[in-house]
């Protein structure tokens, strides 16, 4: 993983630990031509990250490396929403022990 994705991963894991929830939503909204911001929610709270460029491909890398798993795609209700996917941190206890 590159430095940006590694930073994102550690921030995501830290925020999941803080909320004691290991499932999150990755949501892409359409705000205009060439402007499609992404959001990550845990327990209906939008999280903030240092990096501002996370894509579906980045999440696929995290899946391939065994960090997260895809759970389901959720049908958007709001017309601004393009895509909503639910993911889970895999083996979060393993990562917690590793950080001690």
N, C-alpha and C. Protein backbone atom coordinates (compact mmCIF):
# COMPACT_ATOMS: atom_id res chain seq x y z
N UNK A 1 0.85 -1.18 0.00
CA UNK A 1 0.00 0.00 0.00
C UNK A 1 0.89 1.24 0.00
N UNK A 2 0.42 2.26 -0.67
CA UNK A 2 1.18 3.51 -0.66
C UNK A 2 0.94 4.26 0.66
N UNK A 3 1.70 5.32 0.86
CA UNK A 3 1.66 6.08 2.11
C UNK A 3 0.27 6.65 2.39
N UNK A 4 -0.38 7.17 1.35
CA UNK A 4 -1.72 7.76 1.49
C UNK A 4 -2.74 6.73 1.96
N UNK A 5 -2.73 5.57 1.32
CA UNK A 5 -3.69 4.53 1.67
C UNK A 5 -3.38 3.94 3.05
N UNK A 6 -2.12 3.82 3.38
CA UNK A 6 -1.74 3.34 4.70
C UNK A 6 -2.22 4.30 5.79
N UNK A 7 -2.07 5.60 5.56
CA UNK A 7 -2.56 6.61 6.51
C UNK A 7 -4.08 6.50 6.66
N UNK A 8 -4.78 6.39 5.53
CA UNK A 8 -6.24 6.24 5.58
C UNK A 8 -6.62 5.01 6.39
N UNK A 9 -5.96 3.88 6.14
CA UNK A 9 -6.27 2.64 6.84
C UNK A 9 -6.12 2.82 8.36
N UNK A 10 -5.03 3.41 8.79
CA UNK A 10 -4.81 3.59 10.23
C UNK A 10 -5.81 4.56 10.85
N UNK A 11 -6.17 5.59 10.12
CA UNK A 11 -7.19 6.52 10.63
C UNK A 11 -8.56 5.85 10.70
N UNK A 12 -8.89 5.04 9.69
CA UNK A 12 -10.16 4.32 9.69
C UNK A 12 -10.22 3.36 10.86
N UNK A 13 -9.18 2.60 11.07
CA UNK A 13 -9.15 1.64 12.17
C UNK A 13 -9.27 2.36 13.52
N UNK A 14 -8.56 3.46 13.68
CA UNK A 14 -8.62 4.23 14.91
C UNK A 14 -10.03 4.74 15.18
N UNK A 15 -10.69 5.23 14.14
CA UNK A 15 -12.05 5.76 14.33
C UNK A 15 -13.05 4.63 14.59
N UNK A 16 -12.85 3.48 13.99
CA UNK A 16 -13.71 2.33 14.29
C UNK A 16 -13.54 1.93 15.76
N UNK A 17 -12.31 1.89 16.22
CA UNK A 17 -12.05 1.56 17.63
C UNK A 17 -12.72 2.57 18.55
N UNK A 18 -12.61 3.85 18.22
CA UNK A 18 -13.21 4.91 19.03
C UNK A 18 -14.71 4.71 19.16
N UNK A 19 -15.37 4.33 18.07
CA UNK A 19 -16.82 4.11 18.08
C UNK A 19 -17.20 2.70 18.53
N UNK A 20 -16.20 1.83 18.65
CA UNK A 20 -16.42 0.42 18.95
C UNK A 20 -17.40 -0.21 17.96
N UNK A 21 -17.26 0.19 16.70
CA UNK A 21 -18.05 -0.36 15.60
C UNK A 21 -17.07 -0.65 14.47
N UNK A 22 -17.23 -1.81 13.85
CA UNK A 22 -16.27 -2.24 12.83
C UNK A 22 -16.90 -2.43 11.47
N UNK A 23 -18.07 -1.83 11.28
CA UNK A 23 -18.71 -1.77 9.97
C UNK A 23 -18.87 -0.30 9.61
N UNK A 24 -18.72 0.01 8.34
CA UNK A 24 -18.84 1.39 7.90
C UNK A 24 -19.47 1.45 6.52
N UNK A 25 -20.04 2.61 6.21
CA UNK A 25 -20.61 2.85 4.89
C UNK A 25 -19.67 3.75 4.11
N UNK A 26 -19.45 3.40 2.86
CA UNK A 26 -18.70 4.24 1.92
C UNK A 26 -19.73 4.77 0.94
N UNK A 27 -19.87 6.09 0.91
CA UNK A 27 -20.94 6.70 0.13
C UNK A 27 -20.33 7.73 -0.84
N UNK A 28 -20.78 7.68 -2.08
CA UNK A 28 -20.37 8.65 -3.09
C UNK A 28 -21.61 9.45 -3.49
N UNK A 29 -21.48 10.77 -3.47
CA UNK A 29 -22.58 11.65 -3.85
C UNK A 29 -22.21 12.41 -5.12
N UNK A 30 -23.21 12.78 -5.87
CA UNK A 30 -23.01 13.58 -7.07
C UNK A 30 -23.34 15.03 -6.75
N UNK A 31 -22.33 15.90 -6.84
CA UNK A 31 -22.52 17.32 -6.56
C UNK A 31 -22.31 18.17 -7.80
N UNK A 32 -22.14 17.59 -8.94
CA UNK A 32 -21.94 18.35 -10.17
C UNK A 32 -20.93 17.66 -11.05
N UNK A 33 -20.75 18.18 -12.23
CA UNK A 33 -19.84 17.58 -13.20
C UNK A 33 -18.44 17.50 -12.60
N UNK A 34 -17.87 16.31 -12.64
CA UNK A 34 -16.53 16.02 -12.15
C UNK A 34 -16.34 16.31 -10.66
N UNK A 35 -17.42 16.38 -9.91
CA UNK A 35 -17.27 16.59 -8.49
C UNK A 35 -18.16 15.60 -7.76
N UNK A 36 -17.56 14.51 -7.34
CA UNK A 36 -18.30 13.47 -6.66
C UNK A 36 -17.60 13.16 -5.34
N UNK A 37 -17.97 13.87 -4.28
CA UNK A 37 -17.31 13.64 -2.99
C UNK A 37 -17.70 12.29 -2.38
N UNK A 38 -16.81 11.78 -1.57
CA UNK A 38 -17.04 10.52 -0.88
C UNK A 38 -17.14 10.79 0.62
N UNK A 39 -17.86 9.91 1.30
CA UNK A 39 -18.03 10.01 2.74
C UNK A 39 -17.96 8.62 3.34
N UNK A 40 -17.47 8.54 4.55
CA UNK A 40 -17.49 7.28 5.29
C UNK A 40 -18.26 7.54 6.58
N UNK A 41 -19.24 6.68 6.83
CA UNK A 41 -20.09 6.82 8.01
C UNK A 41 -19.93 5.62 8.92
N UNK A 42 -19.87 5.90 10.21
CA UNK A 42 -19.98 4.87 11.23
C UNK A 42 -21.08 5.34 12.17
N UNK A 43 -22.07 4.49 12.38
CA UNK A 43 -23.19 4.82 13.26
C UNK A 43 -23.77 6.20 12.90
N UNK A 44 -24.04 6.42 11.65
CA UNK A 44 -24.64 7.66 11.12
C UNK A 44 -23.78 8.91 11.33
N UNK A 45 -22.53 8.76 11.66
CA UNK A 45 -21.62 9.89 11.82
C UNK A 45 -20.62 9.90 10.67
N UNK A 46 -20.53 11.03 9.99
CA UNK A 46 -19.56 11.17 8.92
C UNK A 46 -18.18 11.39 9.52
N UNK A 47 -17.21 10.58 9.11
CA UNK A 47 -15.87 10.66 9.66
C UNK A 47 -14.99 11.57 8.82
N UNK A 48 -13.94 12.09 9.46
CA UNK A 48 -12.99 12.96 8.76
C UNK A 48 -11.64 12.25 8.68
N UNK A 49 -10.96 12.45 7.53
CA UNK A 49 -9.68 11.81 7.29
C UNK A 49 -8.68 12.83 6.78
N UNK A 50 -7.40 12.54 6.98
CA UNK A 50 -6.33 13.42 6.49
C UNK A 50 -6.29 13.45 4.97
N UNK A 51 -6.49 12.31 4.36
CA UNK A 51 -6.47 12.24 2.90
C UNK A 51 -7.85 12.60 2.36
N UNK A 52 -7.87 13.23 1.22
CA UNK A 52 -9.17 13.61 0.65
C UNK A 52 -9.45 12.92 -0.67
N UNK A 53 -8.69 11.89 -0.99
CA UNK A 53 -8.90 11.18 -2.25
C UNK A 53 -8.93 9.68 -2.02
N UNK A 54 -10.05 9.19 -1.61
CA UNK A 54 -10.24 7.75 -1.45
C UNK A 54 -11.25 7.30 -2.50
N UNK A 55 -10.96 6.20 -3.15
CA UNK A 55 -11.85 5.71 -4.21
C UNK A 55 -12.25 4.27 -3.92
N UNK A 56 -13.16 3.80 -4.74
CA UNK A 56 -13.58 2.40 -4.66
C UNK A 56 -12.39 1.48 -4.90
N UNK A 57 -11.46 1.90 -5.77
CA UNK A 57 -10.26 1.10 -6.04
C UNK A 57 -9.39 0.95 -4.79
N UNK A 58 -9.33 2.01 -3.98
CA UNK A 58 -8.57 1.93 -2.73
C UNK A 58 -9.18 0.89 -1.79
N UNK A 59 -10.50 0.88 -1.73
CA UNK A 59 -11.16 -0.10 -0.87
C UNK A 59 -10.94 -1.52 -1.41
N UNK A 60 -10.88 -1.66 -2.72
CA UNK A 60 -10.58 -2.98 -3.31
C UNK A 60 -9.18 -3.44 -2.91
N UNK A 61 -8.23 -2.51 -2.82
CA UNK A 61 -6.88 -2.87 -2.37
C UNK A 61 -6.92 -3.34 -0.91
N UNK A 62 -7.69 -2.65 -0.08
CA UNK A 62 -7.81 -3.06 1.33
C UNK A 62 -8.46 -4.44 1.44
N UNK A 63 -9.41 -4.72 0.55
CA UNK A 63 -10.04 -6.05 0.52
C UNK A 63 -9.00 -7.09 0.10
N UNK A 64 -8.30 -6.82 -0.98
CA UNK A 64 -7.29 -7.75 -1.50
C UNK A 64 -6.22 -8.06 -0.45
N UNK A 65 -5.84 -7.05 0.34
CA UNK A 65 -4.82 -7.23 1.37
C UNK A 65 -5.37 -7.83 2.67
N UNK A 66 -6.69 -8.08 2.70
CA UNK A 66 -7.29 -8.75 3.86
C UNK A 66 -7.63 -7.85 5.03
N UNK A 67 -7.68 -6.53 4.82
CA UNK A 67 -7.99 -5.61 5.91
C UNK A 67 -9.49 -5.43 6.13
N UNK A 68 -10.24 -5.39 5.03
CA UNK A 68 -11.69 -5.19 5.12
C UNK A 68 -12.38 -6.21 4.23
N UNK A 69 -13.70 -6.30 4.42
CA UNK A 69 -14.50 -7.14 3.54
C UNK A 69 -15.76 -6.39 3.14
N UNK A 70 -16.19 -6.62 1.91
CA UNK A 70 -17.43 -6.03 1.39
C UNK A 70 -18.59 -6.80 1.97
N UNK A 71 -19.62 -6.08 2.45
CA UNK A 71 -20.80 -6.73 3.00
C UNK A 71 -21.96 -6.66 2.02
N UNK A 72 -22.32 -5.44 1.62
CA UNK A 72 -23.46 -5.30 0.71
C UNK A 72 -23.49 -3.92 0.07
N UNK A 73 -24.17 -3.85 -1.06
CA UNK A 73 -24.44 -2.57 -1.70
C UNK A 73 -25.86 -2.16 -1.29
N UNK A 74 -26.01 -0.92 -0.90
CA UNK A 74 -27.30 -0.41 -0.43
C UNK A 74 -27.89 0.49 -1.51
N UNK A 75 -29.14 0.28 -1.80
CA UNK A 75 -29.82 1.07 -2.83
C UNK A 75 -29.99 2.51 -2.33
N UNK A 76 -29.45 3.48 -3.07
CA UNK A 76 -29.59 4.88 -2.65
C UNK A 76 -31.06 5.33 -2.65
N UNK A 77 -31.40 6.12 -1.65
CA UNK A 77 -32.74 6.68 -1.55
C UNK A 77 -32.72 8.14 -2.00
N UNK A 78 -31.70 8.86 -1.57
CA UNK A 78 -31.53 10.28 -1.92
C UNK A 78 -31.01 10.40 -3.35
N UNK A 79 -31.52 11.35 -4.10
CA UNK A 79 -31.12 11.51 -5.51
C UNK A 79 -29.66 11.96 -5.65
N UNK A 80 -29.06 12.52 -4.60
CA UNK A 80 -27.65 12.91 -4.64
C UNK A 80 -26.72 11.70 -4.54
N UNK A 81 -27.19 10.65 -3.93
CA UNK A 81 -26.35 9.47 -3.71
C UNK A 81 -26.19 8.68 -5.00
N UNK A 82 -24.94 8.39 -5.32
CA UNK A 82 -24.63 7.57 -6.49
C UNK A 82 -24.45 6.12 -6.06
N UNK A 83 -23.74 5.95 -4.96
CA UNK A 83 -23.36 4.60 -4.55
C UNK A 83 -23.20 4.57 -3.03
N UNK A 84 -23.71 3.50 -2.42
CA UNK A 84 -23.52 3.28 -0.99
C UNK A 84 -23.14 1.81 -0.82
N UNK A 85 -21.99 1.59 -0.20
CA UNK A 85 -21.54 0.22 0.05
C UNK A 85 -21.17 0.07 1.52
N UNK A 86 -21.47 -1.10 2.04
CA UNK A 86 -21.17 -1.39 3.44
C UNK A 86 -19.98 -2.34 3.50
N UNK A 87 -19.04 -2.02 4.39
CA UNK A 87 -17.82 -2.82 4.58
C UNK A 87 -17.63 -3.13 6.05
N UNK A 88 -16.79 -4.11 6.32
CA UNK A 88 -16.46 -4.49 7.69
C UNK A 88 -14.95 -4.65 7.80
N UNK A 89 -14.41 -4.18 8.94
CA UNK A 89 -13.00 -4.41 9.24
C UNK A 89 -12.85 -5.90 9.56
N UNK A 90 -11.91 -6.57 8.90
CA UNK A 90 -11.67 -7.98 9.17
C UNK A 90 -10.67 -8.11 10.31
N UNK A 91 -10.90 -9.08 11.17
CA UNK A 91 -9.96 -9.41 12.23
C UNK A 91 -9.53 -8.19 13.03
N UNK A 92 -10.48 -7.33 13.40
CA UNK A 92 -10.12 -6.11 14.11
C UNK A 92 -9.41 -6.40 15.43
N UNK A 93 -9.71 -7.51 16.06
CA UNK A 93 -9.00 -7.85 17.30
C UNK A 93 -7.52 -8.07 17.04
N UNK A 94 -7.20 -8.64 15.89
CA UNK A 94 -5.80 -8.86 15.51
C UNK A 94 -5.08 -7.52 15.40
N UNK A 95 -5.72 -6.52 14.79
CA UNK A 95 -5.09 -5.21 14.63
C UNK A 95 -4.95 -4.50 15.97
N UNK A 96 -5.93 -4.69 16.86
CA UNK A 96 -5.85 -4.08 18.19
C UNK A 96 -4.67 -4.65 18.95
N UNK A 97 -4.45 -5.96 18.89
CA UNK A 97 -3.32 -6.57 19.58
C UNK A 97 -2.00 -6.12 18.98
N UNK A 98 -1.99 -5.94 17.66
CA UNK A 98 -0.77 -5.55 16.98
C UNK A 98 -0.33 -4.15 17.41
N UNK A 99 -1.29 -3.27 17.72
CA UNK A 99 -0.97 -1.90 18.07
C UNK A 99 -0.48 -1.75 19.51
N UNK A 100 -0.70 -2.73 20.36
CA UNK A 100 -0.29 -2.63 21.78
C UNK A 100 1.22 -2.73 21.90
